[in-house]
């Protein structure tokens, strides 16, 4: 499986969402992070399985939470460009 690298802003938004969920309910932030990790594991197994949403960027939806993991499949590396809430303004991440 290819290694995964997070864009710094993608990692920050993932951690912010986890903190928000944890503040809402005990252990909900941990469940959110597990859901994101499950999506990343699926991406690593078959990165071409998920639909292209922009030039070279694909999206894998998380289970339970309304988030998508947006990534680029590079030779030898998967780059996570966003961990995006699905109701957020589309395309905010394109400058990454």
C-alpha atoms as a PDB file:
ATOM      1  CA  UNK A   1       0.000   0.000   0.000  1.00  0.00           C
ATOM      2  CA  UNK A   2       1.085   3.526  -0.741  1.00  0.00           C
ATOM      3  CA  UNK A   3       2.045   5.826   2.120  1.00  0.00           C
ATOM      4  CA  UNK A   4      -0.278   8.723   2.926  1.00  0.00           C
ATOM      5  CA  UNK A   5       0.722  12.355   3.394  1.00  0.00           C
ATOM      6  CA  UNK A   6      -1.678  15.025   4.661  1.00  0.00           C
ATOM      7  CA  UNK A   7      -1.645  18.579   3.388  1.00  0.00           C
ATOM      8  CA  UNK A   8      -1.186  20.674   6.556  1.00  0.00           C
ATOM      9  CA  UNK A   9      -4.586  22.336   6.124  1.00  0.00           C
ATOM     10  CA  UNK A  10      -6.287  18.954   5.623  1.00  0.00           C
ATOM     11  CA  UNK A  11      -4.791  17.646   8.839  1.00  0.00           C
ATOM     12  CA  UNK A  12      -5.817  20.820  10.687  1.00  0.00           C
ATOM     13  CA  UNK A  13      -9.424  20.628   9.473  1.00  0.00           C
ATOM     14  CA  UNK A  14      -9.622  16.929  10.401  1.00  0.00           C
ATOM     15  CA  UNK A  15      -8.341  17.677  13.912  1.00  0.00           C
ATOM     16  CA  UNK A  16     -10.726  20.634  14.279  1.00  0.00           C
ATOM     17  CA  UNK A  17     -13.691  18.459  13.305  1.00  0.00           C
ATOM     18  CA  UNK A  18     -12.578  15.764  15.754  1.00  0.00           C
ATOM     19  CA  UNK A  19     -12.309  18.362  18.537  1.00  0.00           C
ATOM     20  CA  UNK A  20     -15.784  19.685  17.684  1.00  0.00           C
ATOM     21  CA  UNK A  21     -17.323  16.197  17.796  1.00  0.00           C
ATOM     22  CA  UNK A  22     -15.485  15.335  21.008  1.00  0.00           C
ATOM     23  CA  UNK A  23     -16.861  18.511  22.585  1.00  0.00           C
ATOM     24  CA  UNK A  24     -20.382  17.501  21.528  1.00  0.00           C
ATOM     25  CA  UNK A  25     -20.223  13.979  22.956  1.00  0.00           C
ATOM     26  CA  UNK A  26     -17.580  11.952  24.747  1.00  0.00           C
ATOM     27  CA  UNK A  27     -15.668   9.659  22.331  1.00  0.00           C
ATOM     28  CA  UNK A  28     -17.489  11.025  19.264  1.00  0.00           C
ATOM     29  CA  UNK A  29     -14.262  12.700  18.110  1.00  0.00           C
ATOM     30  CA  UNK A  30     -12.474   9.367  18.340  1.00  0.00           C
ATOM     31  CA  UNK A  31     -15.218   7.724  16.293  1.00  0.00           C
ATOM     32  CA  UNK A  32     -14.872  10.479  13.689  1.00  0.00           C
ATOM     33  CA  UNK A  33     -11.116   9.908  13.431  1.00  0.00           C
ATOM     34  CA  UNK A  34     -11.694   6.150  13.117  1.00  0.00           C
ATOM     35  CA  UNK A  35     -14.153   6.829  10.286  1.00  0.00           C
ATOM     36  CA  UNK A  36     -11.597   8.987   8.468  1.00  0.00           C
ATOM     37  CA  UNK A  37      -8.916   6.319   8.968  1.00  0.00           C
ATOM     38  CA  UNK A  38     -11.260   3.675   7.575  1.00  0.00           C
ATOM     39  CA  UNK A  39     -11.779   5.813   4.447  1.00  0.00           C
ATOM     40  CA  UNK A  40      -8.022   6.299   4.085  1.00  0.00           C
ATOM     41  CA  UNK A  41      -7.439   2.550   4.396  1.00  0.00           C
ATOM     42  CA  UNK A  42      -9.960   1.947   1.596  1.00  0.00           C
ATOM     43  CA  UNK A  43      -8.192   4.556  -0.532  1.00  0.00           C
ATOM     44  CA  UNK A  44      -4.854   2.843   0.042  1.00  0.00           C
ATOM     45  CA  UNK A  45      -6.272  -0.503  -1.055  1.00  0.00           C
ATOM     46  CA  UNK A  46      -7.734   0.831  -4.312  1.00  0.00           C
ATOM     47  CA  UNK A  47      -7.069   4.538  -4.955  1.00  0.00           C
ATOM     48  CA  UNK A  48      -8.686   4.502  -8.404  1.00  0.00           C
ATOM     49  CA  UNK A  49     -12.028   3.212  -7.090  1.00  0.00           C
ATOM     50  CA  UNK A  50     -13.402   6.599  -6.059  1.00  0.00           C
ATOM     51  CA  UNK A  51     -14.823   9.279  -8.366  1.00  0.00           C
ATOM     52  CA  UNK A  52     -12.836  12.230  -9.649  1.00  0.00           C
ATOM     53  CA  UNK A  53     -14.312  15.495  -8.350  1.00  0.00           C
ATOM     54  CA  UNK A  54     -11.762  17.865  -9.862  1.00  0.00           C
ATOM     55  CA  UNK A  55      -8.635  17.599 -11.991  1.00  0.00           C
ATOM     56  CA  UNK A  56      -6.742  14.686 -10.462  1.00  0.00           C
ATOM     57  CA  UNK A  57      -8.610  14.856  -7.141  1.00  0.00           C
ATOM     58  CA  UNK A  58     -10.824  11.994  -5.985  1.00  0.00           C
ATOM     59  CA  UNK A  59     -13.257  11.743  -3.075  1.00  0.00           C
ATOM     60  CA  UNK A  60     -14.016   8.901  -0.683  1.00  0.00           C
ATOM     61  CA  UNK A  61     -16.949   9.428   1.671  1.00  0.00           C
ATOM     62  CA  UNK A  62     -16.674   8.533   5.335  1.00  0.00           C
ATOM     63  CA  UNK A  63     -19.199   6.301   7.028  1.00  0.00           C
ATOM     64  CA  UNK A  64     -21.610   7.830   9.533  1.00  0.00           C
ATOM     65  CA  UNK A  65     -20.184  11.365   9.315  1.00  0.00           C
ATOM     66  CA  UNK A  66     -20.959  13.845   6.493  1.00  0.00           C
ATOM     67  CA  UNK A  67     -17.335  14.144   5.377  1.00  0.00           C
ATOM     68  CA  UNK A  68     -15.335  13.299   2.309  1.00  0.00           C
ATOM     69  CA  UNK A  69     -11.612  12.576   2.108  1.00  0.00           C
ATOM     70  CA  UNK A  70     -10.266  14.346  -0.982  1.00  0.00           C
ATOM     71  CA  UNK A  71      -6.964  13.048  -2.281  1.00  0.00           C
ATOM     72  CA  UNK A  72      -4.518  12.895  -5.157  1.00  0.00           C
ATOM     73  CA  UNK A  73      -3.029   9.590  -6.212  1.00  0.00           C
ATOM     74  CA  UNK A  74       0.642  10.229  -6.982  1.00  0.00           C
ATOM     75  CA  UNK A  75       3.160   7.554  -7.981  1.00  0.00           C
ATOM     76  CA  UNK A  76       4.327   6.141  -4.667  1.00  0.00           C
ATOM     77  CA  UNK A  77       2.164   8.421  -2.496  1.00  0.00           C
ATOM     78  CA  UNK A  78      -1.411   9.376  -1.665  1.00  0.00           C
ATOM     79  CA  UNK A  79      -1.803  13.051  -0.791  1.00  0.00           C
ATOM     80  CA  UNK A  80      -4.821  13.987   1.343  1.00  0.00           C
ATOM     81  CA  UNK A  81      -5.778  17.516   0.287  1.00  0.00           C
ATOM     82  CA  UNK A  82      -8.940  17.936   2.384  1.00  0.00           C
ATOM     83  CA  UNK A  83     -11.121  16.269   4.973  1.00  0.00           C
ATOM     84  CA  UNK A  84     -14.195  18.180   3.898  1.00  0.00           C
ATOM     85  CA  UNK A  85     -17.591  18.552   5.511  1.00  0.00           C
ATOM     86  CA  UNK A  86     -20.025  17.836   2.689  1.00  0.00           C
ATOM     87  CA  UNK A  87     -22.141  20.919   3.432  1.00  0.00           C
ATOM     88  CA  UNK A  88     -19.189  23.295   3.259  1.00  0.00           C
ATOM     89  CA  UNK A  89     -18.637  25.552   0.275  1.00  0.00           C
ATOM     90  CA  UNK A  90     -17.415  23.314  -2.564  1.00  0.00           C
ATOM     91  CA  UNK A  91     -13.999  24.055  -3.960  1.00  0.00           C
ATOM     92  CA  UNK A  92     -12.581  25.888  -0.940  1.00  0.00           C
ATOM     93  CA  UNK A  93      -9.659  23.440  -0.972  1.00  0.00           C
ATOM     94  CA  UNK A  94      -8.654  23.934  -4.644  1.00  0.00           C
ATOM     95  CA  UNK A  95      -5.719  26.211  -3.859  1.00  0.00           C
ATOM     96  CA  UNK A  96      -3.992  23.368  -2.013  1.00  0.00           C
END
